[in-house]
PDB file of N, CA and C in Angstrom:
ATOM      1  N   MET A   1      -5.523 182.401  93.458  1.00  0.00           N
ATOM      2  CA  MET A   1      -6.021 181.076  93.268  1.00  0.00           C
ATOM      3  C   MET A   1      -7.527 181.084  93.477  1.00  0.00           C
ATOM      4  N   ARG A   2      -8.252 180.444  92.584  1.00  0.00           N
ATOM      5  CA  ARG A   2      -9.688 180.379  92.720  1.00  0.00           C
ATOM      6  C   ARG A   2     -10.126 178.932  92.706  1.00  0.00           C
ATOM      7  N   ALA A   3     -11.063 178.610  93.541  1.00  0.00           N
ATOM      8  CA  ALA A   3     -11.608 177.260  93.582  1.00  0.00           C
ATOM      9  C   ALA A   3     -12.878 177.235  92.751  1.00  0.00           C
ATOM     10  N   LYS A   4     -13.038 176.225  91.954  1.00  0.00           N
ATOM     11  CA  LYS A   4     -14.237 176.060  91.151  1.00  0.00           C
ATOM     12  C   LYS A   4     -14.817 174.692  91.428  1.00  0.00           C
ATOM     13  N   SER A   5     -16.113 174.605  91.325  1.00  0.00           N
ATOM     14  CA  SER A   5     -16.780 173.327  91.471  1.00  0.00           C
ATOM     15  C   SER A   5     -17.122 172.810  90.088  1.00  0.00           C
ATOM     16  N   VAL A   6     -16.858 171.553  89.868  1.00  0.00           N
ATOM     17  CA  VAL A   6     -17.132 170.936  88.581  1.00  0.00           C
ATOM     18  C   VAL A   6     -18.043 169.746  88.826  1.00  0.00           C
ATOM     19  N   ALA A   7     -19.120 169.672  88.077  1.00  0.00           N
ATOM     20  CA  ALA A   7     -20.030 168.536  88.208  1.00  0.00           C
ATOM     21  C   ALA A   7     -19.663 167.491  87.171  1.00  0.00           C
ATOM     22  N   ALA A   8     -19.488 166.276  87.625  1.00  0.00           N
ATOM     23  CA  ALA A   8     -19.163 165.166  86.726  1.00  0.00           C
ATOM     24  C   ALA A   8     -20.247 164.114  86.880  1.00  0.00           C
ATOM     25  N   SER A   9     -20.827 163.718  85.777  1.00  0.00           N
ATOM     26  CA  SER A   9     -21.891 162.721  85.874  1.00  0.00           C
ATOM     27  C   SER A   9     -21.321 161.329  85.648  1.00  0.00           C
ATOM     28  N   SER A  10     -21.892 160.383  86.334  1.00  0.00           N
ATOM     29  CA  SER A  10     -21.525 158.983  86.167  1.00  0.00           C
ATOM     30  C   SER A  10     -22.802 158.167  86.234  1.00  0.00           C
ATOM     31  N   GLU A  11     -22.689 156.860  86.101  1.00  0.00           N
ATOM     32  CA  GLU A  11     -23.876 156.015  86.132  1.00  0.00           C
ATOM     33  C   GLU A  11     -24.592 156.108  87.468  1.00  0.00           C
ATOM     34  N   SER A  12     -23.862 156.310  88.548  1.00  0.00           N
ATOM     35  CA  SER A  12     -24.470 156.373  89.873  1.00  0.00           C
ATOM     36  C   SER A  12     -25.025 157.751  90.209  1.00  0.00           C
ATOM     37  N   GLY A  13     -24.792 158.725  89.376  1.00  0.00           N
ATOM     38  CA  GLY A  13     -25.295 160.071  89.633  1.00  0.00           C
ATOM     39  C   GLY A  13     -24.214 161.113  89.437  1.00  0.00           C
ATOM     40  N   ALA A  14     -24.555 162.333  89.766  1.00  0.00           N
ATOM     41  CA  ALA A  14     -23.619 163.442  89.580  1.00  0.00           C
ATOM     42  C   ALA A  14     -22.777 163.623  90.827  1.00  0.00           C
ATOM     43  N   GLN A  15     -21.527 163.952  90.629  1.00  0.00           N
ATOM     44  CA  GLN A  15     -20.618 164.266  91.722  1.00  0.00           C
ATOM     45  C   GLN A  15     -20.132 165.698  91.545  1.00  0.00           C
ATOM     46  N   VAL A  16     -19.939 166.350  92.662  1.00  0.00           N
ATOM     47  CA  VAL A  16     -19.371 167.696  92.623  1.00  0.00           C
ATOM     48  C   VAL A  16     -17.956 167.608  93.155  1.00  0.00           C
ATOM     49  N   VAL A  17     -17.019 168.071  92.338  1.00  0.00           N
ATOM     50  CA  VAL A  17     -15.608 167.997  92.691  1.00  0.00           C
ATOM     51  C   VAL A  17     -15.059 169.413  92.751  1.00  0.00           C
ATOM     52  N   ASP A  18     -14.390 169.752  93.850  1.00  0.00           N
ATOM     53  CA  ASP A  18     -13.747 171.059  93.969  1.00  0.00           C
ATOM     54  C   ASP A  18     -12.358 170.981  93.368  1.00  0.00           C
ATOM     55  N   LEU A  19     -12.058 171.901  92.492  1.00  0.00           N
ATOM     56  CA  LEU A  19     -10.750 171.959  91.848  1.00  0.00           C
ATOM     57  C   LEU A  19     -10.098 173.293  92.162  1.00  0.00           C
ATOM     58  N   GLU A  20      -8.811 173.275  92.421  1.00  0.00           N
ATOM     59  CA  GLU A  20      -8.044 174.508  92.578  1.00  0.00           C
ATOM     60  C   GLU A  20      -7.533 174.876  91.189  1.00  0.00           C
ATOM     61  N   ILE A  21      -7.968 176.004  90.704  1.00  0.00           N
ATOM     62  CA  ILE A  21      -7.564 176.472  89.380  1.00  0.00           C
ATOM     63  C   ILE A  21      -6.558 177.605  89.561  1.00  0.00           C
ATOM     64  N   LEU A  22      -5.379 177.433  89.019  1.00  0.00           N
ATOM     65  CA  LEU A  22      -4.371 178.486  89.073  1.00  0.00           C
ATOM     66  C   LEU A  22      -4.510 179.334  87.823  1.00  0.00           C
ATOM     67  N   GLU A  23      -4.769 180.596  88.024  1.00  0.00           N
ATOM     68  CA  GLU A  23      -4.893 181.512  86.903  1.00  0.00           C
ATOM     69  C   GLU A  23      -3.648 182.383  86.842  1.00  0.00           C
ATOM     70  N   PRO A  24      -3.056 182.508  85.675  1.00  0.00           N
ATOM     71  CA  PRO A  24      -1.863 183.349  85.585  1.00  0.00           C
ATOM     72  C   PRO A  24      -2.211 184.802  85.881  1.00  0.00           C
ATOM     73  N   GLN A  25      -1.359 185.443  86.634  1.00  0.00           N
ATOM     74  CA  GLN A  25      -1.554 186.838  86.975  1.00  0.00           C
ATOM     75  C   GLN A  25      -0.791 187.697  85.984  1.00  0.00           C
ATOM     76  N   LEU A  26      -1.474 188.118  84.942  1.00  0.00           N
ATOM     77  CA  LEU A  26      -0.861 188.975  83.941  1.00  0.00           C
ATOM     78  C   LEU A  26      -1.059 190.421  84.379  1.00  0.00           C
ATOM     79  N   THR A  27       0.003 191.055  84.772  1.00  0.00           N
ATOM     80  CA  THR A  27      -0.080 192.430  85.229  1.00  0.00           C
ATOM     81  C   THR A  27       0.514 193.342  84.178  1.00  0.00           C
ATOM     82  N   THR A  28      -0.361 193.928  83.398  1.00  0.00           N
ATOM     83  CA  THR A  28       0.082 194.843  82.358  1.00  0.00           C
ATOM     84  C   THR A  28       0.008 196.287  82.811  1.00  0.00           C
ATOM     85  N   GLY A  29      -0.544 196.496  83.983  1.00  0.00           N
ATOM     86  CA  GLY A  29      -0.663 197.834  84.509  1.00  0.00           C
ATOM     87  C   GLY A  29      -1.256 197.798  85.898  1.00  0.00           C
ATOM     88  N   PRO A  30      -1.400 198.965  86.485  1.00  0.00           N
ATOM     89  CA  PRO A  30      -1.919 199.035  87.850  1.00  0.00           C
ATOM     90  C   PRO A  30      -3.397 198.649  87.905  1.00  0.00           C
ATOM     91  N   SER A  31      -3.799 198.085  89.034  1.00  0.00           N
ATOM     92  CA  SER A  31      -5.203 197.724  89.222  1.00  0.00           C
ATOM     93  C   SER A  31      -6.011 198.966  89.605  1.00  0.00           C
ATOM     94  N   PHE A  32      -7.307 198.827  89.517  1.00  0.00           N
ATOM     95  CA  PHE A  32      -8.212 199.904  89.917  1.00  0.00           C
ATOM     96  C   PHE A  32      -7.942 200.316  91.359  1.00  0.00           C
ATOM     97  N   GLU A  33      -7.754 199.317  92.238  1.00  0.00           N
ATOM     98  CA  GLU A  33      -7.532 199.590  93.655  1.00  0.00           C
ATOM     99  C   GLU A  33      -6.220 200.331  93.896  1.00  0.00           C
ATOM    100  N   GLU A  34      -5.173 199.988  93.139  1.00  0.00           N
ATOM    101  CA  GLU A  34      -3.886 200.679  93.280  1.00  0.00           C
ATOM    102  C   GLU A  34      -4.016 202.152  92.876  1.00  0.00           C
ATOM    103  N   ILE A  35      -4.704 202.382  91.776  1.00  0.00           N
ATOM    104  CA  ILE A  35      -4.897 203.764  91.308  1.00  0.00           C
ATOM    105  C   ILE A  35      -5.739 204.537  92.315  1.00  0.00           C
ATOM    106  N   GLN A  36      -6.788 203.903  92.802  1.00  0.00           N
ATOM    107  CA  GLN A  36      -7.660 204.546  93.775  1.00  0.00           C
ATOM    108  C   GLN A  36      -6.896 204.939  95.032  1.00  0.00           C
ATOM    109  N   ARG A  37      -6.056 204.028  95.521  1.00  0.00           N
ATOM    110  CA  ARG A  37      -5.269 204.289  96.723  1.00  0.00           C
ATOM    111  C   ARG A  37      -4.304 205.459  96.505  1.00  0.00           C
ATOM    112  N   ARG A  38      -3.607 205.441  95.361  1.00  0.00           N
ATOM    113  CA  ARG A  38      -2.645 206.513  95.084  1.00  0.00           C
ATOM    114  C   ARG A  38      -3.354 207.846  94.861  1.00  0.00           C
ATOM    115  N   ALA A  39      -4.496 207.837  94.203  1.00  0.00           N
ATOM    116  CA  ALA A  39      -5.258 209.074  93.990  1.00  0.00           C
ATOM    117  C   ALA A  39      -5.686 209.666  95.325  1.00  0.00           C
ATOM    118  N   TYR A  40      -6.067 208.817  96.268  1.00  0.00           N
ATOM    119  CA  TYR A  40      -6.437 209.307  97.595  1.00  0.00           C
ATOM    120  C   TYR A  40      -5.214 209.891  98.300  1.00  0.00           C
ATOM    121  N   GLU A  41      -4.068 209.232  98.169  1.00  0.00           N
ATOM    122  CA  GLU A  41      -2.843 209.760  98.769  1.00  0.00           C
ATOM    123  C   GLU A  41      -2.526 211.146  98.218  1.00  0.00           C
ATOM    124  N   LEU A  42      -2.679 211.314  96.905  1.00  0.00           N
ATOM    125  CA  LEU A  42      -2.436 212.614  96.287  1.00  0.00           C
ATOM    126  C   LEU A  42      -3.422 213.654  96.807  1.00  0.00           C
ATOM    127  N   TYR A  43      -4.669 213.265  96.962  1.00  0.00           N
ATOM    128  CA  TYR A  43      -5.705 214.151  97.505  1.00  0.00           C
ATOM    129  C   TYR A  43      -5.298 214.662  98.892  1.00  0.00           C
ATOM    130  N   VAL A  44      -4.844 213.766  99.734  1.00  0.00           N
ATOM    131  CA  VAL A  44      -4.429 214.139 101.094  1.00  0.00           C
ATOM    132  C   VAL A  44      -3.166 214.997 101.039  1.00  0.00           C
ATOM    133  N   GLU A  45      -2.187 214.594 100.219  1.00  0.00           N
ATOM    134  CA  GLU A  45      -0.934 215.349 100.105  1.00  0.00           C
ATOM    135  C   GLU A  45      -1.181 216.779  99.631  1.00  0.00           C
ATOM    136  N   ARG A  46      -2.196 216.959  98.832  1.00  0.00           N
ATOM    137  CA  ARG A  46      -2.498 218.287  98.270  1.00  0.00           C
ATOM    138  C   ARG A  46      -3.471 219.082  99.134  1.00  0.00           C
ATOM    139  N   GLY A  47      -3.674 218.636 100.367  1.00  0.00           N
ATOM    140  CA  GLY A  47      -4.499 219.391 101.299  1.00  0.00           C
ATOM    141  C   GLY A  47      -5.992 219.139 101.213  1.00  0.00           C
ATOM    142  N   CYS A  48      -6.384 218.000 100.676  1.00  0.00           N
ATOM    143  CA  CYS A  48      -7.807 217.608 100.591  1.00  0.00           C
ATOM    144  C   CYS A  48      -8.640 218.637  99.834  1.00  0.00           C
ATOM    145  N   VAL A  49      -8.082 219.173  98.762  1.00  0.00           N
ATOM    146  CA  VAL A  49      -8.769 220.164  97.945  1.00  0.00           C
ATOM    147  C   VAL A  49      -9.854 219.471  97.131  1.00  0.00           C
ATOM    148  N   GLN A  50     -11.084 219.962  97.279  1.00  0.00           N
ATOM    149  CA  GLN A  50     -12.210 219.400  96.542  1.00  0.00           C
ATOM    150  C   GLN A  50     -12.162 219.817  95.074  1.00  0.00           C
ATOM    151  N   GLY A  51     -12.709 218.987  94.200  1.00  0.00           N
ATOM    152  CA  GLY A  51     -12.828 219.330  92.787  1.00  0.00           C
ATOM    153  C   GLY A  51     -11.636 218.939  91.932  1.00  0.00           C
ATOM    154  N   CYS A  52     -10.643 218.286  92.523  1.00  0.00           N
ATOM    155  CA  CYS A  52      -9.454 217.878  91.768  1.00  0.00           C
ATOM    156  C   CYS A  52      -9.366 216.365  91.635  1.00  0.00           C
ATOM    157  N   ASP A  53     -10.496 215.683  91.811  1.00  0.00           N
ATOM    158  CA  ASP A  53     -10.471 214.227  91.813  1.00  0.00           C
ATOM    159  C   ASP A  53      -9.981 213.646  90.494  1.00  0.00           C
ATOM    160  N   GLN A  54     -10.379 214.232  89.379  1.00  0.00           N
ATOM    161  CA  GLN A  54      -9.936 213.718  88.084  1.00  0.00           C
ATOM    162  C   GLN A  54      -8.433 213.935  87.907  1.00  0.00           C
ATOM    163  N   ASP A  55      -7.938 215.100  88.318  1.00  0.00           N
ATOM    164  CA  ASP A  55      -6.503 215.368  88.234  1.00  0.00           C
ATOM    165  C   ASP A  55      -5.718 214.379  89.096  1.00  0.00           C
ATOM    166  N   ASN A  56      -6.200 214.126  90.314  1.00  0.00           N
ATOM    167  CA  ASN A  56      -5.532 213.171  91.202  1.00  0.00           C
ATOM    168  C   ASN A  56      -5.536 211.772  90.599  1.00  0.00           C
ATOM    169  N   TRP A  57      -6.661 211.378  90.021  1.00  0.00           N
ATOM    170  CA  TRP A  57      -6.778 210.046  89.423  1.00  0.00           C
ATOM    171  C   TRP A  57      -5.798 209.894  88.258  1.00  0.00           C
ATOM    172  N   LEU A  58      -5.781 210.877  87.367  1.00  0.00           N
ATOM    173  CA  LEU A  58      -4.912 210.795  86.195  1.00  0.00           C
ATOM    174  C   LEU A  58      -3.439 210.806  86.589  1.00  0.00           C
ATOM    175  N   GLU A  59      -3.078 211.618  87.579  1.00  0.00           N
ATOM    176  CA  GLU A  59      -1.697 211.640  88.053  1.00  0.00           C
ATOM    177  C   GLU A  59      -1.316 210.301  88.672  1.00  0.00           C
ATOM    178  N   ALA A  60      -2.213 209.730  89.481  1.00  0.00           N
ATOM    179  CA  ALA A  60      -1.947 208.432  90.099  1.00  0.00           C
ATOM    180  C   ALA A  60      -1.766 207.358  89.025  1.00  0.00           C
ATOM    181  N   GLU A  61      -2.630 207.371  88.043  1.00  0.00           N
ATOM    182  CA  GLU A  61      -2.554 206.394  86.948  1.00  0.00           C
ATOM    183  C   GLU A  61      -1.235 206.532  86.192  1.00  0.00           C
ATOM    184  N   ARG A  62      -0.841 207.762  85.910  1.00  0.00           N
ATOM    185  CA  ARG A  62       0.400 208.021  85.184  1.00  0.00           C
ATOM    186  C   ARG A  62       1.612 207.533  85.987  1.00  0.00           C
ATOM    187  N   GLU A  63       1.661 207.878  87.276  1.00  0.00           N
ATOM    188  CA  GLU A  63       2.774 207.448  88.136  1.00  0.00           C
ATOM    189  C   GLU A  63       2.890 205.927  88.184  1.00  0.00           C
ATOM    190  N   LEU A  64       1.762 205.275  88.408  1.00  0.00           N
ATOM    191  CA  LEU A  64       1.784 203.822  88.567  1.00  0.00           C
ATOM    192  C   LEU A  64       2.121 203.114  87.251  1.00  0.00           C
ATOM    193  N   LYS A  65       1.620 203.625  86.144  1.00  0.00           N
ATOM    194  CA  LYS A  65       1.955 203.019  84.848  1.00  0.00           C
ATOM    195  C   LYS A  65       3.449 203.140  84.570  1.00  0.00           C
ATOM    196  N   GLN A  66       4.050 204.276  84.925  1.00  0.00           N
ATOM    197  CA  GLN A  66       5.493 204.439  84.737  1.00  0.00           C
ATOM    198  C   GLN A  66       6.247 203.434  85.586  1.00  0.00           C
ATOM    199  N   GLY A  67       5.770 203.205  86.793  1.00  0.00           N
ATOM    200  CA  GLY A  67       6.393 202.213  87.684  1.00  0.00           C
ATOM    201  C   GLY A  67       6.305 200.816  87.098  1.00  0.00           C
ATOM    202  N   TYR A  68       5.174 200.463  86.509  1.00  0.00           N
ATOM    203  CA  TYR A  68       5.019 199.151  85.888  1.00  0.00           C
ATOM    204  C   TYR A  68       5.929 199.011  84.678  1.00  0.00           C
ATOM    205  N   GLN A  69       6.055 200.088  83.892  1.00  0.00           N
ATOM    206  CA  GLN A  69       6.933 200.024  82.720  1.00  0.00           C
ATOM    207  C   GLN A  69       8.383 199.827  83.121  1.00  0.00           C
ATOM    208  N   ARG A  70       8.825 200.552  84.160  1.00  0.00           N
ATOM    209  CA  ARG A  70      10.205 200.394  84.628  1.00  0.00           C
ATOM    210  C   ARG A  70      10.461 198.984  85.127  1.00  0.00           C
ATOM    211  N   SER A  71       9.505 198.417  85.871  1.00  0.00           N
ATOM    212  CA  SER A  71       9.713 197.073  86.427  1.00  0.00           C
ATOM    213  C   SER A  71       9.681 195.995  85.347  1.00  0.00           C
ATOM    214  N   SER A  72       8.964 196.227  84.262  1.00  0.00           N
ATOM    215  CA  SER A  72       8.924 195.230  83.189  1.00  0.00           C
ATOM    216  C   SER A  72      10.193 195.294  82.330  1.00  0.00           C
ATOM    217  N   LEU A  73      10.872 196.431  82.330  1.00  0.00           N
ATOM    218  CA  LEU A  73      12.112 196.570  81.569  1.00  0.00           C
ATOM    219  C   LEU A  73      13.309 195.996  82.315  1.00  0.00           C
ATOM    220  N   ALA A  74      13.181 195.878  83.617  1.00  0.00           N
ATOM    221  CA  ALA A  74      14.298 195.393  84.437  1.00  0.00           C
ATOM    222  C   ALA A  74      14.518 193.901  84.285  1.00  0.00           C
TER     223      ALA A  74
END
C-alpha cells in the first residue's frame, strides 16, 4: 500500500489530501531481493567460493522461477 498526496484546488485555495492507493501486486516472478537472498545462500552452501557469483545468481533465479511457475499452476 502506498500513500500519495493529491492537491485539489478550490476557490479558497489548494488543499492537500492524503489518499491510500492500493496497487495490485502482480507477481510474475521472483523479486531482485529474493534472487539476491537465494544466490547468497548458494554461495554459503558452496563454501563461499569466490568467482562463482554469476553461477549462483543464475541458479537462484532458475530455482525461484520454477517455484513461481509451480505455484501459479496450482
